[in-house]
N, C-alpha and C. Protein backbone atom coordinates (compact mmCIF):
# COMPACT_ATOMS: atom_id res chain seq x y z
N MET A 1 -17.74 4.04 3.53
CA MET A 1 -17.11 2.75 3.27
C MET A 1 -18.02 1.67 3.84
N SER A 2 -18.33 0.67 3.04
CA SER A 2 -19.17 -0.43 3.51
C SER A 2 -18.33 -1.42 4.31
N PHE A 3 -18.99 -2.48 4.79
CA PHE A 3 -18.28 -3.48 5.59
C PHE A 3 -17.12 -4.08 4.82
N ILE A 4 -17.37 -4.46 3.56
CA ILE A 4 -16.28 -4.93 2.69
C ILE A 4 -16.03 -3.82 1.67
N PRO A 5 -14.91 -3.15 1.78
CA PRO A 5 -14.64 -2.01 0.90
C PRO A 5 -14.39 -2.45 -0.53
N SER A 6 -14.60 -1.51 -1.44
CA SER A 6 -14.35 -1.77 -2.86
C SER A 6 -12.84 -1.77 -3.14
N CYS A 7 -12.49 -2.26 -4.30
CA CYS A 7 -11.08 -2.24 -4.71
C CYS A 7 -10.55 -0.81 -4.79
N LYS A 8 -11.39 0.10 -5.24
CA LYS A 8 -10.97 1.50 -5.31
C LYS A 8 -10.64 2.03 -3.92
N GLU A 9 -11.51 1.75 -2.95
CA GLU A 9 -11.26 2.21 -1.58
C GLU A 9 -9.99 1.58 -1.02
N VAL A 10 -9.78 0.31 -1.31
CA VAL A 10 -8.60 -0.39 -0.80
C VAL A 10 -7.34 0.17 -1.44
N SER A 11 -7.36 0.41 -2.73
CA SER A 11 -6.17 0.96 -3.38
C SER A 11 -5.83 2.33 -2.81
N GLU A 12 -6.85 3.14 -2.50
CA GLU A 12 -6.60 4.44 -1.89
C GLU A 12 -5.99 4.27 -0.49
N LEU A 13 -6.52 3.32 0.29
CA LEU A 13 -5.97 3.08 1.63
C LEU A 13 -4.53 2.59 1.55
N LEU A 14 -4.25 1.69 0.62
CA LEU A 14 -2.89 1.17 0.48
C LEU A 14 -1.93 2.30 0.11
N SER A 15 -2.36 3.19 -0.75
CA SER A 15 -1.52 4.33 -1.13
C SER A 15 -1.32 5.26 0.06
N GLN A 16 -2.39 5.53 0.79
CA GLN A 16 -2.29 6.42 1.95
C GLN A 16 -1.40 5.82 3.04
N ALA A 17 -1.40 4.50 3.14
CA ALA A 17 -0.59 3.83 4.17
C ALA A 17 0.90 4.06 3.93
N GLN A 18 1.28 4.44 2.73
CA GLN A 18 2.68 4.74 2.44
C GLN A 18 3.09 6.07 3.07
N GLU A 19 2.10 6.93 3.35
CA GLU A 19 2.38 8.29 3.82
C GLU A 19 2.00 8.54 5.27
N ARG A 20 1.08 7.73 5.80
CA ARG A 20 0.60 7.99 7.16
C ARG A 20 0.14 6.68 7.80
N PRO A 21 0.10 6.65 9.12
CA PRO A 21 -0.44 5.46 9.78
C PRO A 21 -1.96 5.38 9.55
N LEU A 22 -2.44 4.19 9.30
CA LEU A 22 -3.88 4.01 9.10
C LEU A 22 -4.58 3.88 10.46
N THR A 23 -5.84 4.27 10.47
CA THR A 23 -6.65 4.11 11.68
C THR A 23 -7.05 2.64 11.81
N PHE A 24 -7.56 2.29 12.98
CA PHE A 24 -8.00 0.91 13.18
C PHE A 24 -9.09 0.51 12.19
N PRO A 25 -10.13 1.33 11.95
CA PRO A 25 -11.14 0.93 10.96
C PRO A 25 -10.56 0.75 9.55
N GLU A 26 -9.58 1.57 9.19
CA GLU A 26 -8.95 1.43 7.88
C GLU A 26 -8.16 0.13 7.79
N LYS A 27 -7.42 -0.18 8.85
CA LYS A 27 -6.67 -1.45 8.88
C LYS A 27 -7.62 -2.64 8.82
N PHE A 28 -8.73 -2.53 9.53
CA PHE A 28 -9.71 -3.61 9.53
C PHE A 28 -10.30 -3.80 8.13
N ALA A 29 -10.58 -2.70 7.45
CA ALA A 29 -11.10 -2.79 6.08
C ALA A 29 -10.13 -3.54 5.17
N LEU A 30 -8.83 -3.26 5.31
CA LEU A 30 -7.83 -3.98 4.52
C LEU A 30 -7.80 -5.45 4.91
N HIS A 31 -7.91 -5.70 6.21
CA HIS A 31 -7.88 -7.08 6.72
C HIS A 31 -9.05 -7.90 6.17
N VAL A 32 -10.18 -7.26 5.96
CA VAL A 32 -11.36 -7.94 5.43
C VAL A 32 -11.22 -8.15 3.92
N HIS A 33 -10.75 -7.15 3.21
CA HIS A 33 -10.74 -7.17 1.75
C HIS A 33 -9.59 -7.98 1.14
N LEU A 34 -8.39 -7.78 1.65
CA LEU A 34 -7.21 -8.35 0.99
C LEU A 34 -7.23 -9.88 0.85
N PRO A 35 -7.70 -10.63 1.85
CA PRO A 35 -7.73 -12.09 1.64
C PRO A 35 -8.67 -12.53 0.51
N LEU A 36 -9.61 -11.66 0.16
CA LEU A 36 -10.60 -12.00 -0.86
C LEU A 36 -10.22 -11.54 -2.26
N CYS A 37 -9.21 -10.69 -2.38
CA CYS A 37 -8.96 -10.03 -3.66
C CYS A 37 -7.49 -10.12 -4.08
N LYS A 38 -7.23 -10.97 -5.04
CA LYS A 38 -5.86 -11.14 -5.54
C LYS A 38 -5.34 -9.87 -6.21
N GLY A 39 -6.20 -9.14 -6.90
CA GLY A 39 -5.79 -7.91 -7.57
C GLY A 39 -5.26 -6.88 -6.59
N CYS A 40 -5.93 -6.72 -5.46
CA CYS A 40 -5.48 -5.76 -4.46
C CYS A 40 -4.22 -6.24 -3.75
N ARG A 41 -4.10 -7.55 -3.56
CA ARG A 41 -2.85 -8.07 -2.98
C ARG A 41 -1.69 -7.80 -3.92
N ASN A 42 -1.91 -7.97 -5.22
CA ASN A 42 -0.87 -7.66 -6.21
C ASN A 42 -0.51 -6.18 -6.18
N PHE A 43 -1.54 -5.32 -6.08
CA PHE A 43 -1.29 -3.89 -6.01
C PHE A 43 -0.44 -3.54 -4.80
N ARG A 44 -0.74 -4.16 -3.64
CA ARG A 44 0.04 -3.91 -2.43
C ARG A 44 1.50 -4.31 -2.65
N GLU A 45 1.73 -5.46 -3.28
CA GLU A 45 3.10 -5.90 -3.56
C GLU A 45 3.80 -4.94 -4.51
N GLN A 46 3.09 -4.46 -5.52
CA GLN A 46 3.68 -3.52 -6.47
C GLN A 46 4.05 -2.21 -5.80
N LEU A 47 3.20 -1.73 -4.89
CA LEU A 47 3.54 -0.52 -4.14
C LEU A 47 4.82 -0.72 -3.34
N GLY A 48 4.93 -1.87 -2.70
CA GLY A 48 6.13 -2.17 -1.93
C GLY A 48 7.37 -2.22 -2.80
N PHE A 49 7.25 -2.83 -3.97
CA PHE A 49 8.37 -2.91 -4.91
C PHE A 49 8.80 -1.52 -5.37
N ILE A 50 7.83 -0.68 -5.73
CA ILE A 50 8.13 0.67 -6.19
C ILE A 50 8.79 1.48 -5.07
N ARG A 51 8.25 1.37 -3.86
CA ARG A 51 8.82 2.11 -2.73
C ARG A 51 10.27 1.68 -2.48
N ALA A 52 10.53 0.38 -2.52
CA ALA A 52 11.90 -0.11 -2.30
C ALA A 52 12.83 0.35 -3.42
N ALA A 53 12.34 0.35 -4.66
CA ALA A 53 13.17 0.78 -5.79
C ALA A 53 13.52 2.26 -5.67
N VAL A 54 12.56 3.07 -5.29
CA VAL A 54 12.82 4.50 -5.11
C VAL A 54 13.81 4.72 -3.98
N ARG A 55 13.66 3.97 -2.90
CA ARG A 55 14.59 4.09 -1.78
C ARG A 55 16.02 3.75 -2.22
N ARG A 56 16.15 2.66 -2.98
CA ARG A 56 17.49 2.27 -3.47
C ARG A 56 18.05 3.35 -4.39
N TYR A 57 17.22 3.92 -5.24
CA TYR A 57 17.68 4.97 -6.15
C TYR A 57 18.15 6.19 -5.36
N ILE A 58 17.38 6.60 -4.36
CA ILE A 58 17.75 7.76 -3.55
C ILE A 58 19.04 7.48 -2.79
N ASP A 59 19.15 6.30 -2.20
CA ASP A 59 20.37 5.94 -1.47
C ASP A 59 21.58 5.93 -2.40
N GLN A 60 21.39 5.44 -3.60
CA GLN A 60 22.48 5.38 -4.59
C GLN A 60 22.87 6.79 -5.00
N ASP A 61 21.89 7.66 -5.16
CA ASP A 61 22.14 9.02 -5.59
C ASP A 61 22.89 9.82 -4.53
N ASP A 62 22.75 9.45 -3.26
CA ASP A 62 23.43 10.14 -2.17
C ASP A 62 24.89 9.74 -2.04
N THR A 63 25.29 8.68 -2.72
CA THR A 63 26.66 8.18 -2.63
C THR A 63 27.62 9.18 -3.29
N PRO A 64 28.70 9.58 -2.59
CA PRO A 64 29.66 10.53 -3.19
C PRO A 64 30.31 9.92 -4.44
N ARG A 65 30.55 10.76 -5.39
CA ARG A 65 31.16 10.30 -6.65
C ARG A 65 32.57 10.77 -6.77
């Protein structure tokens, strides 16, 4: 990973952050890249939206009928 990571590297880190804590260098890479890239910021928001929607679906599915 270079000093400013590529969009591909950032999208992989954002996806991995959903499953595990990121290391300091990984967090720093996001901190450097995200302010410069609207596409990756949009991707991060979309991941959050999808995660919240899945959570709501799972919570709804657990409700007794």
